[in-house]
Amino acid sequence: MGKPIPGWGNAATWAGSAASAGYTVDGSPSAGSVIVFQPGVLGASAGYGHVAMVEEVRGDGSILISESNVLGLGVVSTREISASQLAAAGSGVRYIH
């Protein structure tokens, strides 16, 4: 993202904390932005939510993300999220730029 990320706590609070700190928070993904999943959205923890990095925004509206701890503690993995999944998630997914 090219900016420091302070201790914003659980993923569920990241979008609000980022907006308060002057970061742009919106519903439009871009490569290098942080994607914030609210609790229970697209497989995120029901208690804490989840954050990941957007690696690529594809022409069909899908995105490729990299994330950690989904496949095991400290394991970094990638995942594609389709445009239809993102649309269904609605405001349960936000992007920090």
PDB file of N, CA and C in Angstrom:
ATOM      1  N   MET A   1       0.825  -1.184   0.000  1.00  0.00           N
ATOM      2  CA  MET A   1       0.000   0.000   0.000  1.00  0.00           C
ATOM      3  C   MET A   1       0.873   1.253   0.000  1.00  0.00           C
ATOM      4  N   GLY A   2       2.086   1.118   0.457  1.00  0.00           N
ATOM      5  CA  GLY A   2       3.001   2.243   0.424  1.00  0.00           C
ATOM      6  C   GLY A   2       2.839   3.214   1.581  1.00  0.00           C
ATOM      7  N   LYS A   3       2.021   2.868   2.556  1.00  0.00           N
ATOM      8  CA  LYS A   3       1.804   3.710   3.730  1.00  0.00           C
ATOM      9  C   LYS A   3       1.877   2.820   4.964  1.00  0.00           C
ATOM     10  N   PRO A   4       2.259   3.386   6.095  1.00  0.00           N
ATOM     11  CA  PRO A   4       2.290   2.562   7.313  1.00  0.00           C
ATOM     12  C   PRO A   4       0.875   2.182   7.747  1.00  0.00           C
ATOM     13  N   ILE A   5       0.754   1.000   8.308  1.00  0.00           N
ATOM     14  CA  ILE A   5      -0.510   0.545   8.871  1.00  0.00           C
ATOM     15  C   ILE A   5      -0.297   0.403  10.370  1.00  0.00           C
ATOM     16  N   PRO A   6      -0.883   1.322  11.147  1.00  0.00           N
ATOM     17  CA  PRO A   6      -0.721   1.229  12.603  1.00  0.00           C
ATOM     18  C   PRO A   6      -1.571   0.095  13.166  1.00  0.00           C
ATOM     19  N   GLY A   7      -1.526  -0.128  14.428  1.00  0.00           N
ATOM     20  CA  GLY A   7      -2.309  -1.182  15.063  1.00  0.00           C
ATOM     21  C   GLY A   7      -3.784  -0.823  15.091  1.00  0.00           C
ATOM     22  N   TRP A   8      -4.525  -1.254  14.092  1.00  0.00           N
ATOM     23  CA  TRP A   8      -5.949  -0.930  13.979  1.00  0.00           C
ATOM     24  C   TRP A   8      -6.837  -1.981  14.614  1.00  0.00           C
ATOM     25  N   GLY A   9      -6.271  -2.972  15.282  1.00  0.00           N
ATOM     26  CA  GLY A   9      -7.084  -3.969  15.979  1.00  0.00           C
ATOM     27  C   GLY A   9      -7.658  -5.019  15.051  1.00  0.00           C
ATOM     28  N   ASN A  10      -8.829  -5.522  15.412  1.00  0.00           N
ATOM     29  CA  ASN A  10      -9.482  -6.562  14.621  1.00  0.00           C
ATOM     30  C   ASN A  10      -9.854  -6.021  13.248  1.00  0.00           C
ATOM     31  N   ALA A  11      -9.895  -6.888  12.275  1.00  0.00           N
ATOM     32  CA  ALA A  11     -10.213  -6.478  10.908  1.00  0.00           C
ATOM     33  C   ALA A  11     -11.532  -5.726  10.827  1.00  0.00           C
ATOM     34  N   ALA A  12     -12.479  -6.078  11.667  1.00  0.00           N
ATOM     35  CA  ALA A  12     -13.792  -5.440  11.642  1.00  0.00           C
ATOM     36  C   ALA A  12     -13.713  -3.932  11.864  1.00  0.00           C
ATOM     37  N   THR A  13     -12.643  -3.445  12.498  1.00  0.00           N
ATOM     38  CA  THR A  13     -12.521  -2.016  12.791  1.00  0.00           C
ATOM     39  C   THR A  13     -11.591  -1.277  11.830  1.00  0.00           C
ATOM     40  N   TRP A  14     -10.945  -1.999  10.920  1.00  0.00           N
ATOM     41  CA  TRP A  14      -9.930  -1.380  10.073  1.00  0.00           C
ATOM     42  C   TRP A  14     -10.480  -0.265   9.185  1.00  0.00           C
ATOM     43  N   ALA A  15     -11.601  -0.446   8.534  1.00  0.00           N
ATOM     44  CA  ALA A  15     -12.109   0.568   7.604  1.00  0.00           C
ATOM     45  C   ALA A  15     -12.381   1.878   8.335  1.00  0.00           C
ATOM     46  N   GLY A  16     -13.035   1.815   9.476  1.00  0.00           N
ATOM     47  CA  GLY A  16     -13.309   3.025  10.251  1.00  0.00           C
ATOM     48  C   GLY A  16     -12.049   3.680  10.768  1.00  0.00           C
ATOM     49  N   SER A  17     -11.117   2.872  11.252  1.00  0.00           N
ATOM     50  CA  SER A  17      -9.850   3.409  11.754  1.00  0.00           C
ATOM     51  C   SER A  17      -9.052   4.058  10.635  1.00  0.00           C
ATOM     52  N   ALA A  18      -9.040   3.426   9.475  1.00  0.00           N
ATOM     53  CA  ALA A  18      -8.305   3.975   8.330  1.00  0.00           C
ATOM     54  C   ALA A  18      -8.916   5.301   7.876  1.00  0.00           C
ATOM     55  N   ALA A  19     -10.236   5.355   7.806  1.00  0.00           N
ATOM     56  CA  ALA A  19     -10.908   6.597   7.400  1.00  0.00           C
ATOM     57  C   ALA A  19     -10.599   7.716   8.397  1.00  0.00           C
ATOM     58  N   SER A  20     -10.616   7.395   9.674  1.00  0.00           N
ATOM     59  CA  SER A  20     -10.307   8.391  10.712  1.00  0.00           C
ATOM     60  C   SER A  20      -8.874   8.883  10.623  1.00  0.00           C
ATOM     61  N   ALA A  21      -7.984   8.031  10.121  1.00  0.00           N
ATOM     62  CA  ALA A  21      -6.566   8.393   9.979  1.00  0.00           C
ATOM     63  C   ALA A  21      -6.276   9.093   8.653  1.00  0.00           C
ATOM     64  N   GLY A  22      -7.307   9.326   7.842  1.00  0.00           N
ATOM     65  CA  GLY A  22      -7.117  10.059   6.593  1.00  0.00           C
ATOM     66  C   GLY A  22      -6.897   9.221   5.357  1.00  0.00           C
ATOM     67  N   TYR A  23      -6.976   7.907   5.483  1.00  0.00           N
ATOM     68  CA  TYR A  23      -6.852   7.040   4.323  1.00  0.00           C
ATOM     69  C   TYR A  23      -8.158   7.068   3.536  1.00  0.00           C
ATOM     70  N   THR A  24      -8.108   6.783   2.257  1.00  0.00           N
ATOM     71  CA  THR A  24      -9.309   6.650   1.447  1.00  0.00           C
ATOM     72  C   THR A  24      -9.869   5.256   1.654  1.00  0.00           C
ATOM     73  N   VAL A  25     -11.141   5.165   1.972  1.00  0.00           N
ATOM     74  CA  VAL A  25     -11.828   3.891   2.160  1.00  0.00           C
ATOM     75  C   VAL A  25     -13.063   3.917   1.264  1.00  0.00           C
ATOM     76  N   ASP A  26     -13.161   2.909   0.387  1.00  0.00           N
ATOM     77  CA  ASP A  26     -14.288   2.884  -0.530  1.00  0.00           C
ATOM     78  C   ASP A  26     -14.593   1.468  -0.994  1.00  0.00           C
ATOM     79  N   GLY A  27     -15.462   1.353  -1.974  1.00  0.00           N
ATOM     80  CA  GLY A  27     -15.865   0.058  -2.493  1.00  0.00           C
ATOM     81  C   GLY A  27     -15.195  -0.321  -3.799  1.00  0.00           C
ATOM     82  N   SER A  28     -14.105   0.368  -4.157  1.00  0.00           N
ATOM     83  CA  SER A  28     -13.426   0.121  -5.431  1.00  0.00           C
ATOM     84  C   SER A  28     -12.035  -0.458  -5.218  1.00  0.00           C
ATOM     85  N   PRO A  29     -11.815  -1.692  -5.655  1.00  0.00           N
ATOM     86  CA  PRO A  29     -10.494  -2.296  -5.474  1.00  0.00           C
ATOM     87  C   PRO A  29      -9.453  -1.706  -6.425  1.00  0.00           C
ATOM     88  N   SER A  30      -8.221  -1.701  -5.972  1.00  0.00           N
ATOM     89  CA  SER A  30      -7.089  -1.368  -6.835  1.00  0.00           C
ATOM     90  C   SER A  30      -5.900  -2.186  -6.357  1.00  0.00           C
ATOM     91  N   ALA A  31      -5.015  -2.493  -7.289  1.00  0.00           N
ATOM     92  CA  ALA A  31      -3.821  -3.253  -6.917  1.00  0.00           C
ATOM     93  C   ALA A  31      -3.055  -2.479  -5.856  1.00  0.00           C
ATOM     94  N   GLY A  32      -2.684  -3.169  -4.781  1.00  0.00           N
ATOM     95  CA  GLY A  32      -1.942  -2.564  -3.691  1.00  0.00           C
ATOM     96  C   GLY A  32      -2.807  -2.070  -2.550  1.00  0.00           C
ATOM     97  N   SER A  33      -4.126  -2.112  -2.722  1.00  0.00           N
ATOM     98  CA  SER A  33      -4.997  -1.693  -1.619  1.00  0.00           C
ATOM     99  C   SER A  33      -5.235  -2.855  -0.661  1.00  0.00           C
ATOM    100  N   VAL A  34      -5.641  -2.501   0.542  1.00  0.00           N
ATOM    101  CA  VAL A  34      -6.016  -3.500   1.539  1.00  0.00           C
ATOM    102  C   VAL A  34      -7.502  -3.782   1.367  1.00  0.00           C
ATOM    103  N   ILE A  35      -7.882  -5.043   1.313  1.00  0.00           N
ATOM    104  CA  ILE A  35      -9.288  -5.417   1.310  1.00  0.00           C
ATOM    105  C   ILE A  35      -9.657  -5.820   2.735  1.00  0.00           C
ATOM    106  N   VAL A  36     -10.766  -5.285   3.211  1.00  0.00           N
ATOM    107  CA  VAL A  36     -11.254  -5.552   4.557  1.00  0.00           C
ATOM    108  C   VAL A  36     -12.572  -6.309   4.459  1.00  0.00           C
ATOM    109  N   PHE A  37     -12.601  -7.501   5.027  1.00  0.00           N
ATOM    110  CA  PHE A  37     -13.812  -8.320   5.076  1.00  0.00           C
ATOM    111  C   PHE A  37     -14.449  -8.171   6.457  1.00  0.00           C
ATOM    112  N   GLN A  38     -15.694  -7.794   6.511  1.00  0.00           N
ATOM    113  CA  GLN A  38     -16.393  -7.736   7.790  1.00  0.00           C
ATOM    114  C   GLN A  38     -16.612  -9.165   8.292  1.00  0.00           C
ATOM    115  N   PRO A  39     -16.857  -9.336   9.590  1.00  0.00           N
ATOM    116  CA  PRO A  39     -17.016 -10.678  10.152  1.00  0.00           C
ATOM    117  C   PRO A  39     -18.028 -11.524   9.375  1.00  0.00           C
ATOM    118  N   GLY A  40     -17.600 -12.746   9.036  1.00  0.00           N
ATOM    119  CA  GLY A  40     -18.447 -13.712   8.350  1.00  0.00           C
ATOM    120  C   GLY A  40     -18.586 -13.530   6.855  1.00  0.00           C
ATOM    121  N   VAL A  41     -18.004 -12.488   6.283  1.00  0.00           N
ATOM    122  CA  VAL A  41     -18.134 -12.211   4.849  1.00  0.00           C
ATOM    123  C   VAL A  41     -17.063 -12.949   4.061  1.00  0.00           C
ATOM    124  N   LEU A  42     -17.469 -13.704   3.060  1.00  0.00           N
ATOM    125  CA  LEU A  42     -16.567 -14.426   2.151  1.00  0.00           C
ATOM    126  C   LEU A  42     -15.525 -15.261   2.897  1.00  0.00           C
ATOM    127  N   GLY A  43     -15.978 -15.931   3.939  1.00  0.00           N
ATOM    128  CA  GLY A  43     -15.114 -16.836   4.676  1.00  0.00           C
ATOM    129  C   GLY A  43     -14.320 -16.204   5.808  1.00  0.00           C
ATOM    130  N   ALA A  44     -14.512 -14.911   6.047  1.00  0.00           N
ATOM    131  CA  ALA A  44     -13.786 -14.240   7.138  1.00  0.00           C
ATOM    132  C   ALA A  44     -14.254 -14.762   8.490  1.00  0.00           C
ATOM    133  N   SER A  45     -13.391 -14.654   9.464  1.00  0.00           N
ATOM    134  CA  SER A  45     -13.724 -15.028  10.836  1.00  0.00           C
ATOM    135  C   SER A  45     -15.025 -14.359  11.258  1.00  0.00           C
ATOM    136  N   ALA A  46     -15.896 -15.123  11.880  1.00  0.00           N
ATOM    137  CA  ALA A  46     -17.181 -14.584  12.338  1.00  0.00           C
ATOM    138  C   ALA A  46     -17.008 -13.591  13.478  1.00  0.00           C
ATOM    139  N   GLY A  47     -15.889 -13.654  14.162  1.00  0.00           N
ATOM    140  CA  GLY A  47     -15.672 -12.748  15.286  1.00  0.00           C
ATOM    141  C   GLY A  47     -14.813 -11.538  14.971  1.00  0.00           C
ATOM    142  N   TYR A  48     -13.871 -11.696  14.049  1.00  0.00           N
ATOM    143  CA  TYR A  48     -12.864 -10.666  13.841  1.00  0.00           C
ATOM    144  C   TYR A  48     -12.832 -10.064  12.444  1.00  0.00           C
ATOM    145  N   GLY A  49     -13.403 -10.725  11.454  1.00  0.00           N
ATOM    146  CA  GLY A  49     -13.241 -10.288  10.077  1.00  0.00           C
ATOM    147  C   GLY A  49     -11.899 -10.751   9.531  1.00  0.00           C
ATOM    148  N   HIS A  50     -11.453 -10.114   8.457  1.00  0.00           N
ATOM    149  CA  HIS A  50     -10.207 -10.532   7.810  1.00  0.00           C
ATOM    150  C   HIS A  50      -9.700  -9.383   6.947  1.00  0.00           C
ATOM    151  N   VAL A  51      -8.397  -9.278   6.795  1.00  0.00           N
ATOM    152  CA  VAL A  51      -7.784  -8.320   5.874  1.00  0.00           C
ATOM    153  C   VAL A  51      -6.819  -9.061   4.965  1.00  0.00           C
ATOM    154  N   ALA A  52      -6.614  -8.516   3.770  1.00  0.00           N
ATOM    155  CA  ALA A  52      -5.695  -9.091   2.796  1.00  0.00           C
ATOM    156  C   ALA A  52      -5.241  -7.964   1.864  1.00  0.00           C
ATOM    157  N   MET A  53      -4.341  -8.287   0.960  1.00  0.00           N
ATOM    158  CA  MET A  53      -3.868  -7.319  -0.030  1.00  0.00           C
ATOM    159  C   MET A  53      -4.433  -7.655  -1.402  1.00  0.00           C
ATOM    160  N   VAL A  54      -4.853  -6.639  -2.128  1.00  0.00           N
ATOM    161  CA  VAL A  54      -5.300  -6.817  -3.509  1.00  0.00           C
ATOM    162  C   VAL A  54      -4.052  -6.834  -4.390  1.00  0.00           C
ATOM    163  N   GLU A  55      -3.843  -7.930  -5.068  1.00  0.00           N
ATOM    164  CA  GLU A  55      -2.691  -8.062  -5.965  1.00  0.00           C
ATOM    165  C   GLU A  55      -3.027  -7.633  -7.391  1.00  0.00           C
ATOM    166  N   GLU A  56      -4.258  -7.926  -7.806  1.00  0.00           N
ATOM    167  CA  GLU A  56      -4.638  -7.661  -9.197  1.00  0.00           C
ATOM    168  C   GLU A  56      -6.147  -7.475  -9.279  1.00  0.00           C
ATOM    169  N   VAL A  57      -6.559  -6.504 -10.093  1.00  0.00           N
ATOM    170  CA  VAL A  57      -7.964  -6.331 -10.445  1.00  0.00           C
ATOM    171  C   VAL A  57      -8.076  -6.732 -11.908  1.00  0.00           C
ATOM    172  N   ARG A  58      -8.888  -7.712 -12.175  1.00  0.00           N
ATOM    173  CA  ARG A  58      -8.983  -8.275 -13.525  1.00  0.00           C
ATOM    174  C   ARG A  58     -10.104  -7.627 -14.332  1.00  0.00           C
ATOM    175  N   GLY A  59     -10.002  -7.744 -15.634  1.00  0.00           N
ATOM    176  CA  GLY A  59     -10.959  -7.128 -16.540  1.00  0.00           C
ATOM    177  C   GLY A  59     -12.392  -7.583 -16.354  1.00  0.00           C
ATOM    178  N   ASP A  60     -12.573  -8.782 -15.822  1.00  0.00           N
ATOM    179  CA  ASP A  60     -13.926  -9.302 -15.613  1.00  0.00           C
ATOM    180  C   ASP A  60     -14.507  -8.885 -14.260  1.00  0.00           C
ATOM    181  N   GLY A  61     -13.766  -8.043 -13.513  1.00  0.00           N
ATOM    182  CA  GLY A  61     -14.240  -7.571 -12.218  1.00  0.00           C
ATOM    183  C   GLY A  61     -13.812  -8.433 -11.044  1.00  0.00           C
ATOM    184  N   SER A  62     -13.173  -9.556 -11.314  1.00  0.00           N
ATOM    185  CA  SER A  62     -12.661 -10.391 -10.224  1.00  0.00           C
ATOM    186  C   SER A  62     -11.367  -9.774  -9.708  1.00  0.00           C
ATOM    187  N   ILE A  63     -10.959 -10.204  -8.516  1.00  0.00           N
ATOM    188  CA  ILE A  63      -9.693  -9.732  -7.955  1.00  0.00           C
ATOM    189  C   ILE A  63      -8.877 -10.923  -7.469  1.00  0.00           C
ATOM    190  N   LEU A  64      -7.574 -10.746  -7.460  1.00  0.00           N
ATOM    191  CA  LEU A  64      -6.651 -11.718  -6.882  1.00  0.00           C
ATOM    192  C   LEU A  64      -6.107 -11.072  -5.614  1.00  0.00           C
ATOM    193  N   ILE A  65      -6.192 -11.793  -4.496  1.00  0.00           N
ATOM    194  CA  ILE A  65      -5.689 -11.273  -3.230  1.00  0.00           C
ATOM    195  C   ILE A  65      -4.601 -12.193  -2.682  1.00  0.00           C
ATOM    196  N   SER A  66      -3.738 -11.633  -1.852  1.00  0.00           N
ATOM    197  CA  SER A  66      -2.819 -12.444  -1.065  1.00  0.00           C
ATOM    198  C   SER A  66      -3.208 -12.237   0.394  1.00  0.00           C
ATOM    199  N   GLU A  67      -3.121 -13.319   1.153  1.00  0.00           N
ATOM    200  CA  GLU A  67      -3.555 -13.286   2.541  1.00  0.00           C
ATOM    201  C   GLU A  67      -2.718 -14.255   3.355  1.00  0.00           C
ATOM    202  N   SER A  68      -2.756 -14.077   4.646  1.00  0.00           N
ATOM    203  CA  SER A  68      -1.982 -14.925   5.535  1.00  0.00           C
ATOM    204  C   SER A  68      -2.908 -15.586   6.544  1.00  0.00           C
ATOM    205  N   ASN A  69      -2.478 -16.740   7.018  1.00  0.00           N
ATOM    206  CA  ASN A  69      -3.125 -17.483   8.104  1.00  0.00           C
ATOM    207  C   ASN A  69      -4.405 -18.219   7.718  1.00  0.00           C
ATOM    208  N   VAL A  70      -4.818 -18.193   6.458  1.00  0.00           N
ATOM    209  CA  VAL A  70      -6.019 -18.926   6.034  1.00  0.00           C
ATOM    210  C   VAL A  70      -5.714 -20.425   5.943  1.00  0.00           C
ATOM    211  N   LEU A  71      -4.537 -20.755   5.422  1.00  0.00           N
ATOM    212  CA  LEU A  71      -4.149 -22.159   5.245  1.00  0.00           C
ATOM    213  C   LEU A  71      -3.272 -22.671   6.381  1.00  0.00           C
ATOM    214  N   GLY A  72      -3.057 -21.866   7.394  1.00  0.00           N
ATOM    215  CA  GLY A  72      -2.224 -22.234   8.533  1.00  0.00           C
ATOM    216  C   GLY A  72      -1.484 -21.008   9.039  1.00  0.00           C
ATOM    217  N   LEU A  73      -1.129 -21.024  10.288  1.00  0.00           N
ATOM    218  CA  LEU A  73      -0.462 -19.893  10.915  1.00  0.00           C
ATOM    219  C   LEU A  73       0.805 -19.519  10.159  1.00  0.00           C
ATOM    220  N   GLY A  74       0.870 -18.281   9.693  1.00  0.00           N
ATOM    221  CA  GLY A  74       2.039 -17.780   8.987  1.00  0.00           C
ATOM    222  C   GLY A  74       2.125 -18.172   7.523  1.00  0.00           C
ATOM    223  N   VAL A  75       1.161 -18.920   7.010  1.00  0.00           N
ATOM    224  CA  VAL A  75       1.175 -19.346   5.609  1.00  0.00           C
ATOM    225  C   VAL A  75       0.527 -18.265   4.752  1.00  0.00           C
ATOM    226  N   VAL A  76       1.264 -17.761   3.758  1.00  0.00           N
ATOM    227  CA  VAL A  76       0.739 -16.770   2.821  1.00  0.00           C
ATOM    228  C   VAL A  76       0.206 -17.518   1.600  1.00  0.00           C
ATOM    229  N   SER A  77      -1.017 -17.170   1.202  1.00  0.00           N
ATOM    230  CA  SER A  77      -1.647 -17.824   0.054  1.00  0.00           C
ATOM    231  C   SER A  77      -2.366 -16.781  -0.797  1.00  0.00           C
ATOM    232  N   THR A  78      -2.789 -17.184  -1.987  1.00  0.00           N
ATOM    233  CA  THR A  78      -3.556 -16.293  -2.854  1.00  0.00           C
ATOM    234  C   THR A  78      -4.930 -16.900  -3.101  1.00  0.00           C
ATOM    235  N   ARG A  79      -5.855 -16.017  -3.481  1.00  0.00           N
ATOM    236  CA  ARG A  79      -7.220 -16.465  -3.755  1.00  0.00           C
ATOM    237  C   ARG A  79      -7.847 -15.501  -4.742  1.00  0.00           C
ATOM    238  N   GLU A  80      -8.634 -16.048  -5.655  1.00  0.00           N
ATOM    239  CA  GLU A  80      -9.401 -15.217  -6.575  1.00  0.00           C
ATOM    240  C   GLU A  80     -10.815 -15.074  -6.030  1.00  0.00           C
ATOM    241  N   ILE A  81     -11.325 -13.861  -6.076  1.00  0.00           N
ATOM    242  CA  ILE A  81     -12.708 -13.594  -5.678  1.00  0.00           C
ATOM    243  C   ILE A  81     -13.417 -13.054  -6.911  1.00  0.00           C
ATOM    244  N   SER A  82     -14.502 -13.697  -7.297  1.00  0.00           N
ATOM    245  CA  SER A  82     -15.207 -13.324  -8.522  1.00  0.00           C
ATOM    246  C   SER A  82     -15.985 -12.022  -8.347  1.00  0.00           C
ATOM    247  N   ALA A  83     -16.309 -11.415  -9.473  1.00  0.00           N
ATOM    248  CA  ALA A  83     -17.106 -10.187  -9.453  1.00  0.00           C
ATOM    249  C   ALA A  83     -18.462 -10.434  -8.813  1.00  0.00           C
ATOM    250  N   SER A  84     -19.046 -11.594  -9.057  1.00  0.00           N
ATOM    251  CA  SER A  84     -20.361 -11.878  -8.472  1.00  0.00           C
ATOM    252  C   SER A  84     -20.264 -12.061  -6.954  1.00  0.00           C
ATOM    253  N   GLN A  85     -19.183 -12.657  -6.478  1.00  0.00           N
ATOM    254  CA  GLN A  85     -18.988 -12.786  -5.029  1.00  0.00           C
ATOM    255  C   GLN A  85     -18.818 -11.409  -4.384  1.00  0.00           C
ATOM    256  N   LEU A  86     -18.060 -10.536  -5.030  1.00  0.00           N
ATOM    257  CA  LEU A  86     -17.856  -9.191  -4.505  1.00  0.00           C
ATOM    258  C   LEU A  86     -19.170  -8.416  -4.481  1.00  0.00           C
ATOM    259  N   ALA A  87     -19.953  -8.551  -5.550  1.00  0.00           N
ATOM    260  CA  ALA A  87     -21.247  -7.864  -5.599  1.00  0.00           C
ATOM    261  C   ALA A  87     -22.162  -8.358  -4.487  1.00  0.00           C
ATOM    262  N   ALA A  88     -22.182  -9.663  -4.265  1.00  0.00           N
ATOM    263  CA  ALA A  88     -23.034 -10.237  -3.216  1.00  0.00           C
ATOM    264  C   ALA A  88     -22.582  -9.791  -1.829  1.00  0.00           C
ATOM    265  N   ALA A  89     -21.285  -9.551  -1.650  1.00  0.00           N
ATOM    266  CA  ALA A  89     -20.754  -9.125  -0.354  1.00  0.00           C
ATOM    267  C   ALA A  89     -21.149  -7.684  -0.034  1.00  0.00           C
ATOM    268  N   GLY A  90     -21.400  -6.885  -1.050  1.00  0.00           N
ATOM    269  CA  GLY A  90     -21.832  -5.506  -0.852  1.00  0.00           C
ATOM    270  C   GLY A  90     -20.897  -4.727   0.049  1.00  0.00           C
ATOM    271  N   SER A  91     -21.460  -4.037   1.040  1.00  0.00           N
ATOM    272  CA  SER A  91     -20.664  -3.206   1.940  1.00  0.00           C
ATOM    273  C   SER A  91     -19.900  -4.019   2.980  1.00  0.00           C
ATOM    274  N   GLY A  92     -19.999  -5.354   2.913  1.00  0.00           N
ATOM    275  CA  GLY A  92     -19.232  -6.209   3.798  1.00  0.00           C
ATOM    276  C   GLY A  92     -17.772  -6.306   3.401  1.00  0.00           C
ATOM    277  N   VAL A  93     -17.438  -5.706   2.251  1.00  0.00           N
ATOM    278  CA  VAL A  93     -16.059  -5.634   1.772  1.00  0.00           C
ATOM    279  C   VAL A  93     -15.754  -4.175   1.443  1.00  0.00           C
ATOM    280  N   ARG A  94     -14.669  -3.659   2.014  1.00  0.00           N
ATOM    281  CA  ARG A  94     -14.213  -2.293   1.746  1.00  0.00           C
ATOM    282  C   ARG A  94     -12.739  -2.347   1.392  1.00  0.00           C
ATOM    283  N   TYR A  95     -12.253  -1.272   0.782  1.00  0.00           N
ATOM    284  CA  TYR A  95     -10.851  -1.187   0.356  1.00  0.00           C
ATOM    285  C   TYR A  95     -10.209   0.043   0.961  1.00  0.00           C
ATOM    286  N   ILE A  96      -9.004  -0.131   1.467  1.00  0.00           N
ATOM    287  CA  ILE A  96      -8.232   0.971   2.027  1.00  0.00           C
ATOM    288  C   ILE A  96      -7.113   1.298   1.049  1.00  0.00           C
ATOM    289  N   HIS A  97      -6.996   2.580   0.691  1.00  0.00           N
ATOM    290  CA  HIS A  97      -5.976   3.030  -0.266  1.00  0.00           C
ATOM    291  C   HIS A  97      -5.076   4.061   0.401  1.00  0.00           C
TER     292      HIS A  97
END
